[in-house]
Amino acid sequence: MSEQFALWIWLGLGAYAALGLLLWIALVVGLMRRLDSSAAVAPWRVKAVLAPGVIALWPIVLGLLFKPRERAS
């Protein structure tokens, strides 16, 4: 593996993690209510525990945020 290829892999992983971090910040600031109203009022330490999962799985979390909600009959 060349150094250039390794650099591109690290840059890609960094960009992926940065996008996940931005999504976690957006969730903490106000979007958490769209996913779970009880998590929106949780203390900061609980939201901090969610950070690694959101950063790692941000495409799934982003999909859940923009998924159409089902209406109760």
PDB file of N, CA and C in Angstrom:
ATOM      1  N   MET A   1       0.856  -1.166   0.000  1.00  0.00           N
ATOM      2  CA  MET A   1       0.000   0.000   0.000  1.00  0.00           C
ATOM      3  C   MET A   1       0.909   1.239   0.000  1.00  0.00           C
ATOM      4  N   SER A   2       0.621   2.150  -0.877  1.00  0.00           N
ATOM      5  CA  SER A   2       1.436   3.360  -0.949  1.00  0.00           C
ATOM      6  C   SER A   2       1.030   4.347   0.143  1.00  0.00           C
ATOM      7  N   GLU A   3       1.927   5.267   0.427  1.00  0.00           N
ATOM      8  CA  GLU A   3       1.628   6.276   1.446  1.00  0.00           C
ATOM      9  C   GLU A   3       0.472   7.168   1.019  1.00  0.00           C
ATOM     10  N   GLN A   4       0.375   7.444  -0.252  1.00  0.00           N
ATOM     11  CA  GLN A   4      -0.711   8.295  -0.764  1.00  0.00           C
ATOM     12  C   GLN A   4      -2.065   7.627  -0.546  1.00  0.00           C
ATOM     13  N   PHE A   5      -2.121   6.325  -0.807  1.00  0.00           N
ATOM     14  CA  PHE A   5      -3.365   5.587  -0.611  1.00  0.00           C
ATOM     15  C   PHE A   5      -3.744   5.558   0.868  1.00  0.00           C
ATOM     16  N   ALA A   6      -2.771   5.330   1.733  1.00  0.00           N
ATOM     17  CA  ALA A   6      -3.027   5.333   3.175  1.00  0.00           C
ATOM     18  C   ALA A   6      -3.511   6.700   3.639  1.00  0.00           C
ATOM     19  N   LEU A   7      -2.945   7.756   3.083  1.00  0.00           N
ATOM     20  CA  LEU A   7      -3.380   9.113   3.430  1.00  0.00           C
ATOM     21  C   LEU A   7      -4.833   9.326   3.045  1.00  0.00           C
ATOM     22  N   TRP A   8      -5.229   8.861   1.878  1.00  0.00           N
ATOM     23  CA  TRP A   8      -6.617   9.013   1.444  1.00  0.00           C
ATOM     24  C   TRP A   8      -7.569   8.226   2.334  1.00  0.00           C
ATOM     25  N   ILE A   9      -7.139   7.061   2.790  1.00  0.00           N
ATOM     26  CA  ILE A   9      -7.980   6.284   3.705  1.00  0.00           C
ATOM     27  C   ILE A   9      -8.173   7.045   5.009  1.00  0.00           C
ATOM     28  N   TRP A  10      -7.087   7.586   5.577  1.00  0.00           N
ATOM     29  CA  TRP A  10      -7.188   8.339   6.831  1.00  0.00           C
ATOM     30  C   TRP A  10      -8.027   9.605   6.658  1.00  0.00           C
ATOM     31  N   LEU A  11      -7.872  10.268   5.526  1.00  0.00           N
ATOM     32  CA  LEU A  11      -8.691  11.458   5.278  1.00  0.00           C
ATOM     33  C   LEU A  11     -10.171  11.100   5.160  1.00  0.00           C
ATOM     34  N   GLY A  12     -10.456   9.986   4.525  1.00  0.00           N
ATOM     35  CA  GLY A  12     -11.843   9.526   4.417  1.00  0.00           C
ATOM     36  C   GLY A  12     -12.438   9.179   5.766  1.00  0.00           C
ATOM     37  N   LEU A  13     -11.670   8.486   6.598  1.00  0.00           N
ATOM     38  CA  LEU A  13     -12.148   8.152   7.937  1.00  0.00           C
ATOM     39  C   LEU A  13     -12.339   9.402   8.788  1.00  0.00           C
ATOM     40  N   GLY A  14     -11.449  10.357   8.628  1.00  0.00           N
ATOM     41  CA  GLY A  14     -11.586  11.612   9.368  1.00  0.00           C
ATOM     42  C   GLY A  14     -12.819  12.390   8.941  1.00  0.00           C
ATOM     43  N   ALA A  15     -13.080  12.411   7.642  1.00  0.00           N
ATOM     44  CA  ALA A  15     -14.262  13.107   7.143  1.00  0.00           C
ATOM     45  C   ALA A  15     -15.542  12.417   7.624  1.00  0.00           C
ATOM     46  N   TYR A  16     -15.531  11.086   7.623  1.00  0.00           N
ATOM     47  CA  TYR A  16     -16.686  10.320   8.108  1.00  0.00           C
ATOM     48  C   TYR A  16     -16.951  10.636   9.578  1.00  0.00           C
ATOM     49  N   ALA A  17     -15.895  10.639  10.380  1.00  0.00           N
ATOM     50  CA  ALA A  17     -16.043  10.931  11.809  1.00  0.00           C
ATOM     51  C   ALA A  17     -16.465  12.380  12.035  1.00  0.00           C
ATOM     52  N   ALA A  18     -15.954  13.295  11.228  1.00  0.00           N
ATOM     53  CA  ALA A  18     -16.322  14.706  11.375  1.00  0.00           C
ATOM     54  C   ALA A  18     -17.804  14.912  11.072  1.00  0.00           C
ATOM     55  N   LEU A  19     -18.313  14.251  10.056  1.00  0.00           N
ATOM     56  CA  LEU A  19     -19.744  14.354   9.749  1.00  0.00           C
ATOM     57  C   LEU A  19     -20.584  13.764  10.873  1.00  0.00           C
ATOM     58  N   GLY A  20     -20.131  12.658  11.441  1.00  0.00           N
ATOM     59  CA  GLY A  20     -20.835  12.067  12.571  1.00  0.00           C
ATOM     60  C   GLY A  20     -20.837  12.982  13.778  1.00  0.00           C
ATOM     61  N   LEU A  21     -19.714  13.646  14.033  1.00  0.00           N
ATOM     62  CA  LEU A  21     -19.630  14.590  15.145  1.00  0.00           C
ATOM     63  C   LEU A  21     -20.566  15.775  14.932  1.00  0.00           C
ATOM     64  N   LEU A  22     -20.625  16.277  13.705  1.00  0.00           N
ATOM     65  CA  LEU A  22     -21.544  17.386  13.408  1.00  0.00           C
ATOM     66  C   LEU A  22     -22.999  16.969  13.614  1.00  0.00           C
ATOM     67  N   LEU A  23     -23.335  15.755  13.226  1.00  0.00           N
ATOM     68  CA  LEU A  23     -24.704  15.276  13.432  1.00  0.00           C
ATOM     69  C   LEU A  23     -24.999  15.135  14.919  1.00  0.00           C
ATOM     70  N   TRP A  24     -24.041  14.626  15.702  1.00  0.00           N
ATOM     71  CA  TRP A  24     -24.256  14.503  17.143  1.00  0.00           C
ATOM     72  C   TRP A  24     -24.473  15.872  17.777  1.00  0.00           C
ATOM     73  N   ILE A  25     -23.693  16.856  17.356  1.00  0.00           N
ATOM     74  CA  ILE A  25     -23.871  18.214  17.885  1.00  0.00           C
ATOM     75  C   ILE A  25     -25.257  18.734  17.529  1.00  0.00           C
ATOM     76  N   ALA A  26     -25.697  18.503  16.291  1.00  0.00           N
ATOM     77  CA  ALA A  26     -27.033  18.943  15.881  1.00  0.00           C
ATOM     78  C   ALA A  26     -28.108  18.241  16.699  1.00  0.00           C
ATOM     79  N   LEU A  27     -27.898  16.964  17.001  1.00  0.00           N
ATOM     80  CA  LEU A  27     -28.864  16.243  17.824  1.00  0.00           C
ATOM     81  C   LEU A  27     -28.923  16.826  19.230  1.00  0.00           C
ATOM     82  N   VAL A  28     -27.774  17.095  19.801  1.00  0.00           N
ATOM     83  CA  VAL A  28     -27.735  17.624  21.169  1.00  0.00           C
ATOM     84  C   VAL A  28     -28.362  19.009  21.225  1.00  0.00           C
ATOM     85  N   VAL A  29     -28.135  19.821  20.197  1.00  0.00           N
ATOM     86  CA  VAL A  29     -28.645  21.190  20.190  1.00  0.00           C
ATOM     87  C   VAL A  29     -30.163  21.221  20.028  1.00  0.00           C
ATOM     88  N   GLY A  30     -30.756  20.293  19.281  1.00  0.00           N
ATOM     89  CA  GLY A  30     -32.195  20.402  19.149  1.00  0.00           C
ATOM     90  C   GLY A  30     -32.900  19.333  18.334  1.00  0.00           C
ATOM     91  N   LEU A  31     -32.173  18.565  17.542  1.00  0.00           N
ATOM     92  CA  LEU A  31     -32.843  17.583  16.691  1.00  0.00           C
ATOM     93  C   LEU A  31     -33.206  16.283  17.410  1.00  0.00           C
ATOM     94  N   MET A  32     -32.709  16.114  18.627  1.00  0.00           N
ATOM     95  CA  MET A  32     -32.974  14.879  19.369  1.00  0.00           C
ATOM     96  C   MET A  32     -34.473  14.672  19.588  1.00  0.00           C
ATOM     97  N   ARG A  33     -35.220  15.752  19.694  1.00  0.00           N
ATOM     98  CA  ARG A  33     -36.658  15.671  19.940  1.00  0.00           C
ATOM     99  C   ARG A  33     -37.377  14.943  18.795  1.00  0.00           C
ATOM    100  N   ARG A  34     -36.830  15.021  17.584  1.00  0.00           N
ATOM    101  CA  ARG A  34     -37.457  14.328  16.452  1.00  0.00           C
ATOM    102  C   ARG A  34     -37.331  12.816  16.567  1.00  0.00           C
ATOM    103  N   LEU A  35     -36.265  12.343  17.230  1.00  0.00           N
ATOM    104  CA  LEU A  35     -36.065  10.904  17.382  1.00  0.00           C
ATOM    105  C   LEU A  35     -36.738  10.351  18.623  1.00  0.00           C
ATOM    106  N   ASP A  36     -36.521  11.037  19.756  1.00  0.00           N
ATOM    107  CA  ASP A  36     -37.034  10.527  21.023  1.00  0.00           C
ATOM    108  C   ASP A  36     -37.200  11.700  21.982  1.00  0.00           C
ATOM    109  N   SER A  37     -38.430  11.961  22.384  1.00  0.00           N
ATOM    110  CA  SER A  37     -38.682  13.121  23.242  1.00  0.00           C
ATOM    111  C   SER A  37     -38.091  12.944  24.638  1.00  0.00           C
ATOM    112  N   SER A  38     -38.016  11.723  25.129  1.00  0.00           N
ATOM    113  CA  SER A  38     -37.417  11.525  26.453  1.00  0.00           C
ATOM    114  C   SER A  38     -35.898  11.686  26.401  1.00  0.00           C
ATOM    115  N   ALA A  39     -35.271  11.349  25.306  1.00  0.00           N
ATOM    116  CA  ALA A  39     -33.822  11.548  25.176  1.00  0.00           C
ATOM    117  C   ALA A  39     -33.485  13.025  25.034  1.00  0.00           C
ATOM    118  N   ALA A  40     -34.430  13.808  24.544  1.00  0.00           N
ATOM    119  CA  ALA A  40     -34.174  15.243  24.371  1.00  0.00           C
ATOM    120  C   ALA A  40     -34.010  15.949  25.703  1.00  0.00           C
ATOM    121  N   VAL A  41     -34.646  15.448  26.747  1.00  0.00           N
ATOM    122  CA  VAL A  41     -34.543  16.084  28.063  1.00  0.00           C
ATOM    123  C   VAL A  41     -33.561  15.358  28.970  1.00  0.00           C
ATOM    124  N   ALA A  42     -32.816  14.429  28.424  1.00  0.00           N
ATOM    125  CA  ALA A  42     -31.835  13.679  29.208  1.00  0.00           C
ATOM    126  C   ALA A  42     -30.666  14.582  29.589  1.00  0.00           C
ATOM    127  N   PRO A  43     -29.976  14.260  30.680  1.00  0.00           N
ATOM    128  CA  PRO A  43     -28.805  15.063  31.066  1.00  0.00           C
ATOM    129  C   PRO A  43     -27.667  14.933  30.049  1.00  0.00           C
ATOM    130  N   TRP A  44     -26.731  15.860  30.137  1.00  0.00           N
ATOM    131  CA  TRP A  44     -25.606  15.895  29.197  1.00  0.00           C
ATOM    132  C   TRP A  44     -24.785  14.620  29.225  1.00  0.00           C
ATOM    133  N   ARG A  45     -24.621  14.015  30.391  1.00  0.00           N
ATOM    134  CA  ARG A  45     -23.792  12.808  30.467  1.00  0.00           C
ATOM    135  C   ARG A  45     -24.424  11.661  29.682  1.00  0.00           C
ATOM    136  N   VAL A  46     -25.737  11.615  29.612  1.00  0.00           N
ATOM    137  CA  VAL A  46     -26.406  10.595  28.806  1.00  0.00           C
ATOM    138  C   VAL A  46     -26.194  10.881  27.327  1.00  0.00           C
ATOM    139  N   LYS A  47     -26.298  12.131  26.943  1.00  0.00           N
ATOM    140  CA  LYS A  47     -26.077  12.495  25.543  1.00  0.00           C
ATOM    141  C   LYS A  47     -24.631  12.253  25.138  1.00  0.00           C
ATOM    142  N   ALA A  48     -23.703  12.422  26.068  1.00  0.00           N
ATOM    143  CA  ALA A  48     -22.295  12.157  25.779  1.00  0.00           C
ATOM    144  C   ALA A  48     -22.052  10.674  25.545  1.00  0.00           C
ATOM    145  N   VAL A  49     -22.796   9.822  26.252  1.00  0.00           N
ATOM    146  CA  VAL A  49     -22.657   8.380  26.052  1.00  0.00           C
ATOM    147  C   VAL A  49     -23.146   7.989  24.658  1.00  0.00           C
ATOM    148  N   LEU A  50     -24.095   8.722  24.124  1.00  0.00           N
ATOM    149  CA  LEU A  50     -24.616   8.430  22.787  1.00  0.00           C
ATOM    150  C   LEU A  50     -23.670   8.856  21.667  1.00  0.00           C
ATOM    151  N   ALA A  51     -22.710   9.715  21.972  1.00  0.00           N
ATOM    152  CA  ALA A  51     -21.827  10.278  20.950  1.00  0.00           C
ATOM    153  C   ALA A  51     -21.095   9.221  20.122  1.00  0.00           C
ATOM    154  N   PRO A  52     -20.422   8.242  20.709  1.00  0.00           N
ATOM    155  CA  PRO A  52     -19.695   7.280  19.865  1.00  0.00           C
ATOM    156  C   PRO A  52     -20.604   6.512  18.901  1.00  0.00           C
ATOM    157  N   GLY A  53     -21.786   6.158  19.364  1.00  0.00           N
ATOM    158  CA  GLY A  53     -22.710   5.439  18.495  1.00  0.00           C
ATOM    159  C   GLY A  53     -23.214   6.290  17.350  1.00  0.00           C
ATOM    160  N   VAL A  54     -23.535   7.539  17.642  1.00  0.00           N
ATOM    161  CA  VAL A  54     -24.011   8.445  16.589  1.00  0.00           C
ATOM    162  C   VAL A  54     -22.899   8.713  15.589  1.00  0.00           C
ATOM    163  N   ILE A  55     -21.678   8.911  16.086  1.00  0.00           N
ATOM    164  CA  ILE A  55     -20.549   9.188  15.188  1.00  0.00           C
ATOM    165  C   ILE A  55     -20.276   7.985  14.285  1.00  0.00           C
ATOM    166  N   ALA A  56     -20.368   6.785  14.829  1.00  0.00           N
ATOM    167  CA  ALA A  56     -20.086   5.596  14.035  1.00  0.00           C
ATOM    168  C   ALA A  56     -21.216   5.255  13.072  1.00  0.00           C
ATOM    169  N   LEU A  57     -22.453   5.510  13.472  1.00  0.00           N
ATOM    170  CA  LEU A  57     -23.612   5.087  12.679  1.00  0.00           C
ATOM    171  C   LEU A  57     -24.404   6.268  12.135  1.00  0.00           C
ATOM    172  N   TRP A  58     -23.738   7.376  11.848  1.00  0.00           N
ATOM    173  CA  TRP A  58     -24.457   8.581  11.468  1.00  0.00           C
ATOM    174  C   TRP A  58     -25.303   8.424  10.202  1.00  0.00           C
ATOM    175  N   PRO A  59     -24.945   7.623   9.209  1.00  0.00           N
ATOM    176  CA  PRO A  59     -25.866   7.513   8.062  1.00  0.00           C
ATOM    177  C   PRO A  59     -27.221   6.920   8.446  1.00  0.00           C
ATOM    178  N   ILE A  60     -27.212   5.971   9.375  1.00  0.00           N
ATOM    179  CA  ILE A  60     -28.465   5.361   9.826  1.00  0.00           C
ATOM    180  C   ILE A  60     -29.278   6.367  10.637  1.00  0.00           C
ATOM    181  N   VAL A  61     -28.612   7.102  11.525  1.00  0.00           N
ATOM    182  CA  VAL A  61     -29.296   8.100  12.350  1.00  0.00           C
ATOM    183  C   VAL A  61     -29.871   9.202  11.466  1.00  0.00           C
ATOM    184  N   LEU A  62     -29.126   9.607  10.463  1.00  0.00           N
ATOM    185  CA  LEU A  62     -29.618  10.630   9.539  1.00  0.00           C
ATOM    186  C   LEU A  62     -30.846  10.139   8.781  1.00  0.00           C
ATOM    187  N   GLY A  63     -30.835   8.867   8.404  1.00  0.00           N
ATOM    188  CA  GLY A  63     -32.011   8.283   7.754  1.00  0.00           C
ATOM    189  C   GLY A  63     -33.221   8.260   8.672  1.00  0.00           C
ATOM    190  N   LEU A  64     -32.998   7.976   9.942  1.00  0.00           N
ATOM    191  CA  LEU A  64     -34.107   7.984  10.906  1.00  0.00           C
ATOM    192  C   LEU A  64     -34.660   9.392  11.116  1.00  0.00           C
ATOM    193  N   LEU A  65     -33.798  10.395  11.044  1.00  0.00           N
ATOM    194  CA  LEU A  65     -34.253  11.773  11.236  1.00  0.00           C
ATOM    195  C   LEU A  65     -35.196  12.223  10.129  1.00  0.00           C
ATOM    196  N   PHE A  66     -34.915  11.810   8.903  1.00  0.00           N
ATOM    197  CA  PHE A  66     -35.701  12.282   7.768  1.00  0.00           C
ATOM    198  C   PHE A  66     -36.719  11.268   7.264  1.00  0.00           C
ATOM    199  N   LYS A  67     -36.908  10.200   8.028  1.00  0.00           N
ATOM    200  CA  LYS A  67     -37.920   9.206   7.681  1.00  0.00           C
ATOM    201  C   LYS A  67     -39.296   9.787   7.983  1.00  0.00           C
ATOM    202  N   PRO A  68     -40.245   9.631   7.074  1.00  0.00           N
ATOM    203  CA  PRO A  68     -41.595  10.141   7.351  1.00  0.00           C
ATOM    204  C   PRO A  68     -42.188   9.459   8.578  1.00  0.00           C
ATOM    205  N   ARG A  69     -42.817  10.258   9.412  1.00  0.00           N
ATOM    206  CA  ARG A  69     -43.423   9.715  10.625  1.00  0.00           C
ATOM    207  C   ARG A  69     -44.759   9.075  10.306  1.00  0.00           C
ATOM    208  N   GLU A  70     -45.040   7.992  11.033  1.00  0.00           N
ATOM    209  CA  GLU A  70     -46.337   7.339  10.880  1.00  0.00           C
ATOM    210  C   GLU A  70     -47.320   8.008  11.826  1.00  0.00           C
ATOM    211  N   ARG A  71     -48.494   8.258  11.344  1.00  0.00           N
ATOM    212  CA  ARG A  71     -49.531   8.885  12.161  1.00  0.00           C
ATOM    213  C   ARG A  71     -50.349   7.833  12.875  1.00  0.00           C
ATOM    214  N   ALA A  72     -50.653   8.121  14.135  1.00  0.00           N
ATOM    215  CA  ALA A  72     -51.511   7.211  14.901  1.00  0.00           C
ATOM    216  C   ALA A  72     -52.970   7.429  14.488  1.00  0.00           C
ATOM    217  N   SER A  73     -53.702   6.359  14.350  1.00  0.00           N
ATOM    218  CA  SER A  73     -55.098   6.470  13.912  1.00  0.00           C
ATOM    219  C   SER A  73     -56.008   6.799  15.054  1.00  0.00           C
TER     220      SER A  73
END
